[in-house]
C-alpha atoms as a PDB file:
ATOM      1  CA  MET A   1     -11.634   6.876 -12.635  1.00  0.00           C
ATOM      2  CA  ALA A   2     -14.036   6.984 -15.586  1.00  0.00           C
ATOM      3  CA  LYS A   3     -16.759   8.341 -13.292  1.00  0.00           C
ATOM      4  CA  ALA A   4     -14.437  11.047 -11.947  1.00  0.00           C
ATOM      5  CA  LYS A   5     -13.597  12.074 -15.484  1.00  0.00           C
ATOM      6  CA  GLN A   6     -17.214  12.095 -16.649  1.00  0.00           C
ATOM      7  CA  GLU A   7     -18.943  13.695 -13.672  1.00  0.00           C
ATOM      8  CA  LEU A   8     -16.247  15.888 -12.151  1.00  0.00           C
ATOM      9  CA  GLY A   9     -13.921  16.546 -15.064  1.00  0.00           C
ATOM     10  CA  VAL A  10     -11.019  15.161 -13.008  1.00  0.00           C
ATOM     11  CA  THR A  11      -8.259  13.128 -14.653  1.00  0.00           C
ATOM     12  CA  VAL A  12      -6.648  10.489 -12.425  1.00  0.00           C
ATOM     13  CA  ARG A  13      -2.933  10.339 -13.203  1.00  0.00           C
ATOM     14  CA  SER A  14      -1.538   8.438 -10.204  1.00  0.00           C
ATOM     15  CA  PHE A  15      -2.722   5.767  -7.788  1.00  0.00           C
ATOM     16  CA  VAL A  16      -1.202   5.067  -4.367  1.00  0.00           C
ATOM     17  CA  THR A  17      -2.264   2.370  -1.885  1.00  0.00           C
ATOM     18  CA  ASP A  18      -0.751   0.659   1.123  1.00  0.00           C
ATOM     19  CA  SER A  19       1.168  -2.605   0.763  1.00  0.00           C
ATOM     20  CA  ALA A  20      -1.552  -5.170   1.505  1.00  0.00           C
ATOM     21  CA  ALA A  21      -1.430  -8.182  -0.812  1.00  0.00           C
ATOM     22  CA  ASN A  22      -4.878  -7.577  -2.321  1.00  0.00           C
ATOM     23  CA  GLU A  23      -4.034  -3.935  -3.092  1.00  0.00           C
ATOM     24  CA  ARG A  24      -0.716  -4.868  -4.687  1.00  0.00           C
ATOM     25  CA  LEU A  25      -2.637  -7.312  -6.877  1.00  0.00           C
ATOM     26  CA  MET A  26      -5.102  -4.571  -7.808  1.00  0.00           C
ATOM     27  CA  ARG A  27      -2.229  -2.279  -8.794  1.00  0.00           C
ATOM     28  CA  ASN A  28      -0.728  -5.040 -10.932  1.00  0.00           C
ATOM     29  CA  HIS A  29      -4.026  -5.403 -12.780  1.00  0.00           C
ATOM     30  CA  LEU A  30      -4.131  -1.638 -13.377  1.00  0.00           C
ATOM     31  CA  GLU A  31      -0.568  -1.685 -14.666  1.00  0.00           C
ATOM     32  CA  LYS A  32      -1.491  -4.328 -17.256  1.00  0.00           C
ATOM     33  CA  THR A  33      -4.591  -2.434 -18.409  1.00  0.00           C
ATOM     34  CA  GLU A  34      -3.568  -0.810 -21.666  1.00  0.00           C
ATOM     35  CA  ASP A  35      -6.256   1.876 -21.862  1.00  0.00           C
ATOM     36  CA  VAL A  36      -5.461   3.277 -18.385  1.00  0.00           C
ATOM     37  CA  ASP A  37      -2.673   5.863 -18.310  1.00  0.00           C
ATOM     38  CA  ILE A  38      -1.707   6.102 -14.647  1.00  0.00           C
ATOM     39  CA  ILE A  39       1.322   5.469 -12.462  1.00  0.00           C
ATOM     40  CA  GLN A  40       0.762   3.236  -9.443  1.00  0.00           C
ATOM     41  CA  TYR A  41       2.938   2.642  -6.393  1.00  0.00           C
ATOM     42  CA  GLY A  42       2.906   1.843  -2.687  1.00  0.00           C
ATOM     43  CA  CYS A  43       2.486   4.264   0.208  1.00  0.00           C
ATOM     44  CA  SER A  44       5.855   5.280   1.658  1.00  0.00           C
ATOM     45  CA  THR A  45       4.316   6.072   5.050  1.00  0.00           C
ATOM     46  CA  HIS A  46       2.943   2.557   5.449  1.00  0.00           C
ATOM     47  CA  ILE A  47       6.296   1.110   4.429  1.00  0.00           C
ATOM     48  CA  LEU A  48       8.163   3.313   6.924  1.00  0.00           C
ATOM     49  CA  ASN A  49       5.807   1.978   9.593  1.00  0.00           C
ATOM     50  CA  LEU A  50       6.658  -1.575   8.507  1.00  0.00           C
ATOM     51  CA  LEU A  51      10.369  -0.699   8.713  1.00  0.00           C
ATOM     52  CA  ALA A  52       9.901   0.482  12.294  1.00  0.00           C
ATOM     53  CA  LYS A  53       8.195  -2.816  13.143  1.00  0.00           C
ATOM     54  CA  ASP A  54      10.982  -4.784  11.440  1.00  0.00           C
ATOM     55  CA  LEU A  55      13.554  -3.141  13.704  1.00  0.00           C
ATOM     56  CA  GLU A  56      11.610  -3.666  16.926  1.00  0.00           C
ATOM     57  CA  ILE A  57      13.189  -5.630  19.784  1.00  0.00           C
ATOM     58  CA  PRO A  58      10.239  -7.812  20.906  1.00  0.00           C
ATOM     59  CA  ALA A  59      11.656  -8.627  24.331  1.00  0.00           C
ATOM     60  CA  VAL A  60      12.034  -4.928  25.098  1.00  0.00           C
ATOM     61  CA  THR A  61       8.775  -3.635  23.651  1.00  0.00           C
ATOM     62  CA  LYS A  62       6.677  -6.376  25.247  1.00  0.00           C
ATOM     63  CA  SER A  63       8.209  -5.701  28.683  1.00  0.00           C
ATOM     64  CA  ILE A  64       7.682  -1.947  28.421  1.00  0.00           C
ATOM     65  CA  ILE A  65       4.082  -2.359  27.216  1.00  0.00           C
ATOM     66  CA  LYS A  66       3.395  -4.730  30.117  1.00  0.00           C
ATOM     67  CA  GLU A  67       4.840  -2.184  32.560  1.00  0.00           C
ATOM     68  CA  ILE A  68       2.803   0.697  31.106  1.00  0.00           C
ATOM     69  CA  LYS A  69      -0.431  -1.319  31.165  1.00  0.00           C
ATOM     70  CA  TYR A  70       0.129  -2.271  34.802  1.00  0.00           C
ATOM     71  CA  PHE A  71       0.675   1.305  35.968  1.00  0.00           C
ATOM     72  CA  ARG A  72      -2.236   2.594  33.889  1.00  0.00           C
ATOM     73  CA  ASN A  73      -4.770  -0.091  34.860  1.00  0.00           C
ATOM     74  CA  HIS A  74      -4.080  -0.659  38.593  1.00  0.00           C
ATOM     75  CA  HIS A  75      -5.145   1.879  41.170  1.00  0.00           C
ATOM     76  CA  ILE A  76      -2.425   1.270  43.776  1.00  0.00           C
ATOM     77  CA  PRO A  77       0.593   2.031  41.538  1.00  0.00           C
ATOM     78  CA  ALA A  78      -1.314   4.628  39.442  1.00  0.00           C
ATOM     79  CA  ALA A  79      -2.253   6.883  42.370  1.00  0.00           C
ATOM     80  CA  PRO A  80       1.238   7.254  43.943  1.00  0.00           C
ATOM     81  CA  TYR A  81       2.742   7.507  40.445  1.00  0.00           C
ATOM     82  CA  LYS A  82       0.542  10.530  39.763  1.00  0.00           C
ATOM     83  CA  GLN A  83       1.311  12.019  43.198  1.00  0.00           C
ATOM     84  CA  GLU A  84       5.045  11.815  42.469  1.00  0.00           C
ATOM     85  CA  GLY A  85       4.536  13.903  39.321  1.00  0.00           C
ATOM     86  CA  GLY A  86       4.588  11.103  36.769  1.00  0.00           C
ATOM     87  CA  LYS A  87       3.296  12.092  33.336  1.00  0.00           C
ATOM     88  CA  LYS A  88       0.799  10.091  31.318  1.00  0.00           C
ATOM     89  CA  LEU A  89       2.191   6.803  30.013  1.00  0.00           C
ATOM     90  CA  VAL A  90       1.377   6.159  26.355  1.00  0.00           C
ATOM     91  CA  LEU A  91       0.281   2.793  24.999  1.00  0.00           C
ATOM     92  CA  PRO A  92       1.155   1.968  21.358  1.00  0.00           C
ATOM     93  CA  LEU A  93      -1.796   1.579  19.001  1.00  0.00           C
ATOM     94  CA  GLU A  94      -1.791  -0.439  15.795  1.00  0.00           C
ATOM     95  CA  VAL A  95      -3.948   2.138  14.029  1.00  0.00           C
ATOM     96  CA  ARG A  96      -1.745   5.131  14.941  1.00  0.00           C
ATOM     97  CA  TRP A  97       1.702   5.640  13.461  1.00  0.00           C
ATOM     98  CA  ASN A  98       4.664   6.438  15.734  1.00  0.00           C
ATOM     99  CA  THR A  99       2.870   5.463  18.941  1.00  0.00           C
ATOM    100  CA  MET A 100       5.563   2.876  19.760  1.00  0.00           C
ATOM    101  CA  ASN A 101       8.094   5.705  19.761  1.00  0.00           C
ATOM    102  CA  ASP A 102       5.808   7.735  22.043  1.00  0.00           C
ATOM    103  CA  ALA A 103       5.325   4.753  24.386  1.00  0.00           C
ATOM    104  CA  ILE A 104       9.049   4.058  24.819  1.00  0.00           C
ATOM    105  CA  ARG A 105       9.841   7.747  25.254  1.00  0.00           C
ATOM    106  CA  SER A 106       7.131   8.154  27.916  1.00  0.00           C
ATOM    107  CA  TYR A 107       8.498   5.101  29.755  1.00  0.00           C
ATOM    108  CA  LEU A 108      12.107   6.323  29.702  1.00  0.00           C
ATOM    109  CA  ASP A 109      11.160   9.871  30.704  1.00  0.00           C
ATOM    110  CA  ASN A 110       9.286   8.588  33.771  1.00  0.00           C
ATOM    111  CA  ARG A 111      11.422   5.571  34.661  1.00  0.00           C
ATOM    112  CA  GLY A 112      12.877   7.249  37.767  1.00  0.00           C
ATOM    113  CA  ILE A 113       9.396   7.759  39.217  1.00  0.00           C
ATOM    114  CA  LEU A 114       8.388   4.209  38.239  1.00  0.00           C
ATOM    115  CA  VAL A 115      11.387   2.816  40.139  1.00  0.00           C
ATOM    116  CA  GLN A 116      10.629   4.993  43.179  1.00  0.00           C
ATOM    117  CA  VAL A 117       6.968   3.959  43.307  1.00  0.00           C
ATOM    118  CA  SER A 118       7.913   0.285  42.891  1.00  0.00           C
ATOM    119  CA  GLN A 119      10.320   0.508  45.821  1.00  0.00           C
ATOM    120  CA  ASP A 120       7.912   2.407  48.093  1.00  0.00           C
ATOM    121  CA  HIS A 121       5.018   0.024  47.393  1.00  0.00           C
ATOM    122  CA  LYS A 122       6.831  -3.235  46.616  1.00  0.00           C
ATOM    123  CA  ASP A 123       4.525  -5.212  48.913  1.00  0.00           C
ATOM    124  CA  LYS A 124       1.523  -4.173  46.772  1.00  0.00           C
ATOM    125  CA  ILE A 125       3.052  -4.356  43.272  1.00  0.00           C
ATOM    126  CA  GLY A 126       3.674  -7.564  41.341  1.00  0.00           C
ATOM    127  CA  ARG A 127       7.198  -8.981  41.487  1.00  0.00           C
ATOM    128  CA  GLU A 128       7.452  -9.304  37.725  1.00  0.00           C
ATOM    129  CA  VAL A 129       6.597  -5.632  37.280  1.00  0.00           C
ATOM    130  CA  ILE A 130       9.258  -4.616  39.818  1.00  0.00           C
ATOM    131  CA  LYS A 131      11.764  -6.858  38.051  1.00  0.00           C
ATOM    132  CA  ILE A 132      11.079  -5.194  34.696  1.00  0.00           C
ATOM    133  CA  VAL A 133      11.328  -1.634  35.974  1.00  0.00           C
ATOM    134  CA  ASN A 134      14.614  -2.399  37.769  1.00  0.00           C
ATOM    135  CA  ASP A 135      16.147  -4.240  34.803  1.00  0.00           C
ATOM    136  CA  CYS A 136      18.903  -1.912  33.519  1.00  0.00           C
ATOM    137  CA  GLN A 137      19.447  -4.047  30.412  1.00  0.00           C
ATOM    138  CA  ILE A 138      15.877  -3.486  29.253  1.00  0.00           C
ATOM    139  CA  THR A 139      16.347   0.246  29.767  1.00  0.00           C
ATOM    140  CA  MET A 140      19.645   0.306  27.845  1.00  0.00           C
ATOM    141  CA  ASN A 141      18.100  -1.669  24.966  1.00  0.00           C
ATOM    142  CA  ALA A 142      15.108   0.681  24.965  1.00  0.00           C
ATOM    143  CA  VAL A 143      17.432   3.699  24.685  1.00  0.00           C
ATOM    144  CA  ASP A 144      19.279   2.101  21.755  1.00  0.00           C
ATOM    145  CA  PHE A 145      16.027   1.183  20.025  1.00  0.00           C
ATOM    146  CA  LEU A 146      14.697   4.712  20.499  1.00  0.00           C
ATOM    147  CA  LYS A 147      17.820   6.096  18.787  1.00  0.00           C
ATOM    148  CA  THR A 148      17.119   3.824  15.827  1.00  0.00           C
ATOM    149  CA  LEU A 149      13.417   4.655  15.832  1.00  0.00           C
ATOM    150  CA  SER A 150      13.746   8.452  16.092  1.00  0.00           C
ATOM    151  CA  PRO A 151      14.920   9.149  12.497  1.00  0.00           C
ATOM    152  CA  ILE A 152      12.209   6.803  11.168  1.00  0.00           C
ATOM    153  CA  THR A 153       9.630   8.660  13.258  1.00  0.00           C
ATOM    154  CA  THR A 154      10.810  12.020  11.880  1.00  0.00           C
ATOM    155  CA  ALA A 155      10.702  10.735   8.299  1.00  0.00           C
ATOM    156  CA  LEU A 156       7.241   9.246   8.808  1.00  0.00           C
ATOM    157  CA  ASP A 157       5.848  12.523  10.175  1.00  0.00           C
ATOM    158  CA  ARG A 158       7.173  14.428   7.178  1.00  0.00           C
ATOM    159  CA  MET A 159       6.148  11.764   4.681  1.00  0.00           C
ATOM    160  CA  GLN A 160       2.477  11.927   5.641  1.00  0.00           C
ATOM    161  CA  ARG A 161       2.146  15.643   4.883  1.00  0.00           C
ATOM    162  CA  ASN A 162      -0.270  16.677   2.151  1.00  0.00           C
ATOM    163  CA  THR A 163       2.503  18.376   0.192  1.00  0.00           C
ATOM    164  CA  THR A 164       4.959  15.464   0.147  1.00  0.00           C
ATOM    165  CA  THR A 165       5.311  14.200  -3.426  1.00  0.00           C
ATOM    166  CA  ILE A 166       7.152  11.130  -4.679  1.00  0.00           C
ATOM    167  CA  ALA A 167      10.093  13.354  -5.682  1.00  0.00           C
ATOM    168  CA  ILE A 168      10.418  14.551  -2.072  1.00  0.00           C
ATOM    169  CA  ALA A 169       9.963  10.977  -0.807  1.00  0.00           C
ATOM    170  CA  VAL A 170      13.200   9.948  -2.553  1.00  0.00           C
ATOM    171  CA  GLU A 171      15.108  12.646  -0.651  1.00  0.00           C
ATOM    172  CA  MET A 172      13.550  11.520   2.628  1.00  0.00           C
ATOM    173  CA  TRP A 173      14.448   7.857   2.133  1.00  0.00           C
ATOM    174  CA  ASN A 174      18.035   8.734   1.202  1.00  0.00           C
ATOM    175  CA  LYS A 175      18.352  11.073   4.198  1.00  0.00           C
ATOM    176  CA  LEU A 176      16.956   8.349   6.438  1.00  0.00           C
ATOM    177  CA  GLU A 177      19.723   6.020   5.281  1.00  0.00           C
ATOM    178  CA  VAL A 178      22.329   8.626   6.212  1.00  0.00           C
ATOM    179  CA  ASP A 179      20.728   9.176   9.627  1.00  0.00           C
ATOM    180  CA  LEU A 180      20.594   5.459  10.345  1.00  0.00           C
ATOM    181  CA  LEU A 181      24.211   4.986   9.311  1.00  0.00           C
ATOM    182  CA  GLY A 182      25.191   7.144  12.266  1.00  0.00           C
ATOM    183  CA  ASN A 183      23.492   4.708  14.622  1.00  0.00           C
ATOM    184  CA  SER A 184      25.479   1.702  15.819  1.00  0.00           C
ATOM    185  CA  ALA A 185      22.360  -0.481  15.565  1.00  0.00           C
ATOM    186  CA  TYR A 186      22.320   0.098  11.804  1.00  0.00           C
ATOM    187  CA  GLN A 187      25.806  -1.322  11.397  1.00  0.00           C
ATOM    188  CA  SER A 188      24.507  -4.885  11.588  1.00  0.00           C
ATOM    189  CA  ALA A 189      24.188  -6.493   8.168  1.00  0.00           C
ATOM    190  CA  ASN A 190      20.649  -7.691   8.898  1.00  0.00           C
ATOM    191  CA  THR A 191      19.386  -4.230   9.836  1.00  0.00           C
ATOM    192  CA  LYS A 192      20.916  -2.714   6.732  1.00  0.00           C
ATOM    193  CA  LYS A 193      19.381  -5.466   4.625  1.00  0.00           C
ATOM    194  CA  VAL A 194      15.939  -4.768   6.115  1.00  0.00           C
ATOM    195  CA  PHE A 195      16.216  -1.049   5.374  1.00  0.00           C
ATOM    196  CA  LEU A 196      17.324  -1.553   1.767  1.00  0.00           C
ATOM    197  CA  SER A 197      14.528  -4.073   1.234  1.00  0.00           C
ATOM    198  CA  ARG A 198      11.870  -1.656   2.511  1.00  0.00           C
ATOM    199  CA  ARG A 199      13.269   1.207   0.463  1.00  0.00           C
ATOM    200  CA  ALA A 200      13.197  -0.952  -2.652  1.00  0.00           C
ATOM    201  CA  MET A 201       9.550  -1.735  -1.857  1.00  0.00           C
ATOM    202  CA  ALA A 202       8.711   1.969  -1.502  1.00  0.00           C
ATOM    203  CA  LEU A 203      10.689   3.483  -4.386  1.00  0.00           C
ATOM    204  CA  GLN A 204      10.503   2.589  -8.064  1.00  0.00           C
ATOM    205  CA  GLY A 205      11.903   4.019 -11.266  1.00  0.00           C
ATOM    206  CA  LEU A 206       9.034   6.507 -11.405  1.00  0.00           C
ATOM    207  CA  HIS A 207      10.061   7.947  -8.019  1.00  0.00           C
ATOM    208  CA  TYR A 208      13.625   8.478  -9.183  1.00  0.00           C
ATOM    209  CA  ALA A 209      12.422   9.954 -12.483  1.00  0.00           C
ATOM    210  CA  ALA A 210      10.249  12.426 -10.563  1.00  0.00           C
ATOM    211  CA  ASN A 211      13.233  13.356  -8.410  1.00  0.00           C
ATOM    212  CA  MET A 212      15.345  13.977 -11.520  1.00  0.00           C
ATOM    213  CA  ILE A 213      12.844  16.308 -13.200  1.00  0.00           C
ATOM    214  CA  ASP A 214      12.129  18.271 -10.020  1.00  0.00           C
ATOM    215  CA  HIS A 215      14.239  21.445 -10.339  1.00  0.00           C
ATOM    216  CA  ARG A 216      14.848  21.456  -6.569  1.00  0.00           C
ATOM    217  CA  PHE A 217      16.661  18.098  -6.614  1.00  0.00           C
ATOM    218  CA  LEU A 218      17.713  17.211 -10.199  1.00  0.00           C
ATOM    219  CA  GLY A 219      18.602  13.715  -8.996  1.00  0.00           C
ATOM    220  CA  ARG A 220      21.811  14.977  -7.433  1.00  0.00           C
ATOM    221  CA  ASN A 221      21.567  12.573  -4.480  1.00  0.00           C
ATOM    222  CA  LEU A 222      20.798   9.486  -6.577  1.00  0.00           C
ATOM    223  CA  ASN A 223      23.341   6.737  -7.080  1.00  0.00           C
ATOM    224  CA  ASN A 224      24.029   5.127 -10.448  1.00  0.00           C
ATOM    225  CA  GLU A 225      21.592   2.267  -9.878  1.00  0.00           C
ATOM    226  CA  GLN A 226      18.776   4.656  -9.002  1.00  0.00           C
ATOM    227  CA  LYS A 227      19.510   6.785 -12.068  1.00  0.00           C
ATOM    228  CA  LYS A 228      19.424   3.644 -14.183  1.00  0.00           C
ATOM    229  CA  GLN A 229      15.983   2.756 -12.792  1.00  0.00           C
ATOM    230  CA  ALA A 230      14.778   6.270 -13.641  1.00  0.00           C
ATOM    231  CA  ASN A 231      16.119   5.989 -17.183  1.00  0.00           C
ATOM    232  CA  ASP A 232      14.532   2.546 -17.624  1.00  0.00           C
ATOM    233  CA  PHE A 233      11.171   3.969 -16.545  1.00  0.00           C
ATOM    234  CA  ILE A 234      11.471   6.837 -19.016  1.00  0.00           C
ATOM    235  CA  THR A 235      12.671   4.821 -22.003  1.00  0.00           C
ATOM    236  CA  ALA A 236      11.109   1.390 -21.492  1.00  0.00           C
ATOM    237  CA  GLY A 237       8.211   2.011 -19.150  1.00  0.00           C
ATOM    238  CA  GLY A 238       5.773   3.349 -21.677  1.00  0.00           C
ATOM    239  CA  VAL A 239       7.101   6.914 -21.633  1.00  0.00           C
ATOM    240  CA  ASP A 240       8.340   8.590 -24.822  1.00  0.00           C
ATOM    241  CA  GLU A 241      12.055   7.886 -25.233  1.00  0.00           C
ATOM    242  CA  ASN A 242      12.561  11.397 -26.644  1.00  0.00           C
ATOM    243  CA  PHE A 243      12.180  12.752 -23.124  1.00  0.00           C
ATOM    244  CA  ALA A 244      15.470  11.214 -21.971  1.00  0.00           C
ATOM    245  CA  PRO A 245      17.717  13.788 -23.723  1.00  0.00           C
ATOM    246  CA  PHE A 246      15.708  16.658 -22.215  1.00  0.00           C
ATOM    247  CA  ILE A 247      16.112  15.188 -18.730  1.00  0.00           C
ATOM    248  CA  MET A 248      19.844  14.772 -19.297  1.00  0.00           C
ATOM    249  CA  ALA A 249      19.991  18.411 -20.387  1.00  0.00           C
ATOM    250  CA  LEU A 250      18.055  19.379 -17.259  1.00  0.00           C
ATOM    251  CA  THR A 251      20.409  17.619 -14.850  1.00  0.00           C
ATOM    252  CA  ALA A 252      23.369  19.168 -16.692  1.00  0.00           C
ATOM    253  CA  LYS A 253      21.686  22.620 -16.667  1.00  0.00           C
ATOM    254  CA  SER A 254      22.425  22.986 -20.366  1.00  0.00           C
ATOM    255  CA  HIS A 255      21.306  25.617 -22.882  1.00  0.00           C
ATOM    256  CA  HIS A 256      17.722  24.289 -22.935  1.00  0.00           C
ATOM    257  CA  PHE A 257      17.255  25.732 -19.465  1.00  0.00           C
ATOM    258  CA  PRO A 258      18.142  29.319 -18.489  1.00  0.00           C
ATOM    259  CA  LYS A 259      20.752  29.442 -15.739  1.00  0.00           C
ATOM    260  CA  PHE A 260      18.797  31.904 -13.618  1.00  0.00           C
ATOM    261  CA  MET A 261      15.943  29.378 -13.310  1.00  0.00           C
ATOM    262  CA  PHE A 262      18.159  27.318 -10.985  1.00  0.00           C
ATOM    263  CA  GLY A 263      18.809  30.232  -8.613  1.00  0.00           C
ATOM    264  CA  GLU A 264      17.935  30.351  -4.922  1.00  0.00           C
ATOM    265  CA  SER A 265      14.886  32.518  -5.626  1.00  0.00           C
ATOM    266  CA  PHE A 266      13.279  29.583  -7.479  1.00  0.00           C
ATOM    267  CA  LYS A 267      13.906  26.957  -4.763  1.00  0.00           C
ATOM    268  CA  ASN A 268      10.403  27.300  -3.334  1.00  0.00           C
ATOM    269  CA  THR A 269       8.670  27.561  -6.701  1.00  0.00           C
ATOM    270  CA  CYS A 270       6.068  24.891  -7.483  1.00  0.00           C
ATOM    271  CA  PRO A 271       7.740  22.378  -9.853  1.00  0.00           C
ATOM    272  CA  MET A 272       4.847  22.476 -12.321  1.00  0.00           C
ATOM    273  CA  LEU A 273       4.903  26.284 -12.402  1.00  0.00           C
ATOM    274  CA  TRP A 274       8.649  26.093 -12.988  1.00  0.00           C
ATOM    275  CA  TRP A 275       8.224  23.704 -15.933  1.00  0.00           C
ATOM    276  CA  THR A 276       5.401  25.739 -17.423  1.00  0.00           C
ATOM    277  CA  SER A 277       7.617  28.839 -17.306  1.00  0.00           C
ATOM    278  CA  VAL A 278      10.584  27.030 -18.862  1.00  0.00           C
ATOM    279  CA  THR A 279       8.554  25.711 -21.802  1.00  0.00           C
ATOM    280  CA  LEU A 280       6.516  28.871 -22.274  1.00  0.00           C
ATOM    281  CA  GLU A 281       8.748  30.241 -25.021  1.00  0.00           C
ATOM    282  CA  ASP A 282      10.979  28.853 -27.746  1.00  0.00           C
ATOM    283  CA  GLU A 283       8.487  26.363 -29.204  1.00  0.00           C
ATOM    284  CA  GLU A 284      11.147  24.906 -31.531  1.00  0.00           C
ATOM    285  CA  ARG A 285      13.032  23.431 -28.617  1.00  0.00           C
ATOM    286  CA  TRP A 286       9.870  21.781 -27.304  1.00  0.00           C
ATOM    287  CA  PRO A 287       8.269  19.991 -30.280  1.00  0.00           C
ATOM    288  CA  GLN A 288       6.268  17.749 -27.947  1.00  0.00           C
ATOM    289  CA  LYS A 289       5.538  20.353 -25.325  1.00  0.00           C
ATOM    290  CA  GLU A 290       2.038  19.198 -24.362  1.00  0.00           C
ATOM    291  CA  LYS A 291       3.087  15.586 -24.037  1.00  0.00           C
ATOM    292  CA  PHE A 292       6.143  16.515 -22.010  1.00  0.00           C
ATOM    293  CA  ILE A 293       4.168  18.783 -19.665  1.00  0.00           C
ATOM    294  CA  LYS A 294       1.630  15.972 -19.156  1.00  0.00           C
ATOM    295  CA  PHE A 295       4.479  13.603 -18.280  1.00  0.00           C
ATOM    296  CA  CYS A 296       5.908  16.116 -15.765  1.00  0.00           C
ATOM    297  CA  GLU A 297       2.487  16.777 -14.268  1.00  0.00           C
ATOM    298  CA  GLN A 298       1.872  13.075 -13.782  1.00  0.00           C
ATOM    299  CA  LEU A 299       5.101  12.609 -11.806  1.00  0.00           C
ATOM    300  CA  LEU A 300       5.409  15.917  -9.984  1.00  0.00           C
ATOM    301  CA  THR A 301       1.855  15.966  -8.607  1.00  0.00           C
ATOM    302  CA  ALA A 302       1.854  12.359  -7.334  1.00  0.00           C
ATOM    303  CA  THR A 303       1.632  12.257  -3.522  1.00  0.00           C
ATOM    304  CA  ALA A 304       3.892   9.887  -1.621  1.00  0.00           C
ATOM    305  CA  SER A 305       1.339   8.681   0.905  1.00  0.00           C
ATOM    306  CA  THR A 306      -2.306   7.736   1.418  1.00  0.00           C
ATOM    307  CA  ALA A 307      -2.272   9.679   4.714  1.00  0.00           C
ATOM    308  CA  PRO A 308      -4.139  12.770   3.385  1.00  0.00           C
ATOM    309  CA  LEU A 309      -6.991  10.565   2.199  1.00  0.00           C
ATOM    310  CA  GLU A 310      -7.080   8.619   5.456  1.00  0.00           C
ATOM    311  CA  ARG A 311      -7.331  11.878   7.393  1.00  0.00           C
ATOM    312  CA  CYS A 312     -10.270  12.755   5.172  1.00  0.00           C
ATOM    313  CA  PHE A 313     -11.950   9.444   6.081  1.00  0.00           C
ATOM    314  CA  SER A 314     -11.346  10.167   9.777  1.00  0.00           C
ATOM    315  CA  THR A 315     -12.976  13.580   9.418  1.00  0.00           C
ATOM    316  CA  PHE A 316     -15.958  11.975   7.686  1.00  0.00           C
ATOM    317  CA  GLY A 317     -16.233   9.577  10.622  1.00  0.00           C
ATOM    318  CA  LEU A 318     -16.438  12.510  13.038  1.00  0.00           C
ATOM    319  CA  VAL A 319     -18.986  14.389  10.922  1.00  0.00           C
ATOM    320  CA  GLN A 320     -21.232  11.512   9.837  1.00  0.00           C
ATOM    321  CA  SER A 321     -21.467   9.635  13.135  1.00  0.00           C
ATOM    322  CA  LYS A 322     -24.034   7.200  14.521  1.00  0.00           C
ATOM    323  CA  LEU A 323     -25.881  10.135  16.037  1.00  0.00           C
ATOM    324  CA  ARG A 324     -26.049  11.842  12.634  1.00  0.00           C
ATOM    325  CA  ASN A 325     -26.664   8.763  10.526  1.00  0.00           C
ATOM    326  CA  ARG A 326     -29.300  10.448   8.342  1.00  0.00           C
ATOM    327  CA  LEU A 327     -26.900  13.103   7.158  1.00  0.00           C
ATOM    328  CA  GLY A 328     -26.737  12.943   3.358  1.00  0.00           C
ATOM    329  CA  ASN A 329     -23.461  12.381   1.544  1.00  0.00           C
ATOM    330  CA  GLU A 330     -23.551  15.753  -0.187  1.00  0.00           C
ATOM    331  CA  LYS A 331     -24.098  17.720   3.013  1.00  0.00           C
ATOM    332  CA  ALA A 332     -21.533  15.592   4.868  1.00  0.00           C
ATOM    333  CA  ALA A 333     -18.986  16.334   2.138  1.00  0.00           C
ATOM    334  CA  LYS A 334     -19.601  20.062   2.499  1.00  0.00           C
ATOM    335  CA  LEU A 335     -19.151  19.883   6.284  1.00  0.00           C
ATOM    336  CA  VAL A 336     -15.916  17.915   5.877  1.00  0.00           C
ATOM    337  CA  PHE A 337     -14.694  20.528   3.409  1.00  0.00           C
ATOM    338  CA  LEU A 338     -15.338  23.253   5.997  1.00  0.00           C
ATOM    339  CA  VAL A 339     -13.556  21.280   8.712  1.00  0.00           C
END
């Protein structure tokens, strides 16, 4: 961070990592470092992926994966499967998010052809494979699991966008809870407990504070406990306690903030541009304007996920490959920028 400031003139205000134990420990050390003014938190995309794994039904997923591998890796079932019009079966990958959803969906979409091929060539296909593909209970459980997985998959896809900030992440997690409540699988106490535990891991007081100061949300979907966490972050988390009244005035749309600034025409306005416009005039109402803008900038520009950076690493891997191993870092960076 010191090097980025010195050489590039870039100030690091936030720090997001995945939830590995060593990285959580690193974030704890940063939090205790007094001369470092940053906010640090876990990657919501990684935690959504962990939630999907928590809700997996091992007996179902293992059977479906075994079935897919058999039809992909053996010539006799693969050839007639393709002749019957079967589409490509997808195997889940640990390094790719949402591939379990894709695998189950590909299996269910092509199950009719899998059953037909198994019946037509039952003397050449393993008995255990035929048993799995004809097991209606496995199919029913897979359908139920896919219903549970689908809203998580949608949230994960949106969470990993470059433009998803921690303020937007709060809305996504709360919407995910509503979507899961409509699923019968979520009604079990254990499943609900798992979801709430993962959300608590992903969201902190700083997330809720960011949601409250974002003019698009104003914390309207937060419950009392979440608002309390936001207030604790503002007043006791090293942030100036004088900001709390301004945030209360914001959520109430009081005289500090012109009414027209909350109109529909400002819904798509960048939050930082919105705040800069609000504090542009009437200096008496904003005695600590610079400090307040810095606080808003720190929260409203923080991304919810490490996905954009990981995509950058993937692009580097394609550009600076084993065949181009003498490519310098500077030139590689320029090529990645162009890509």
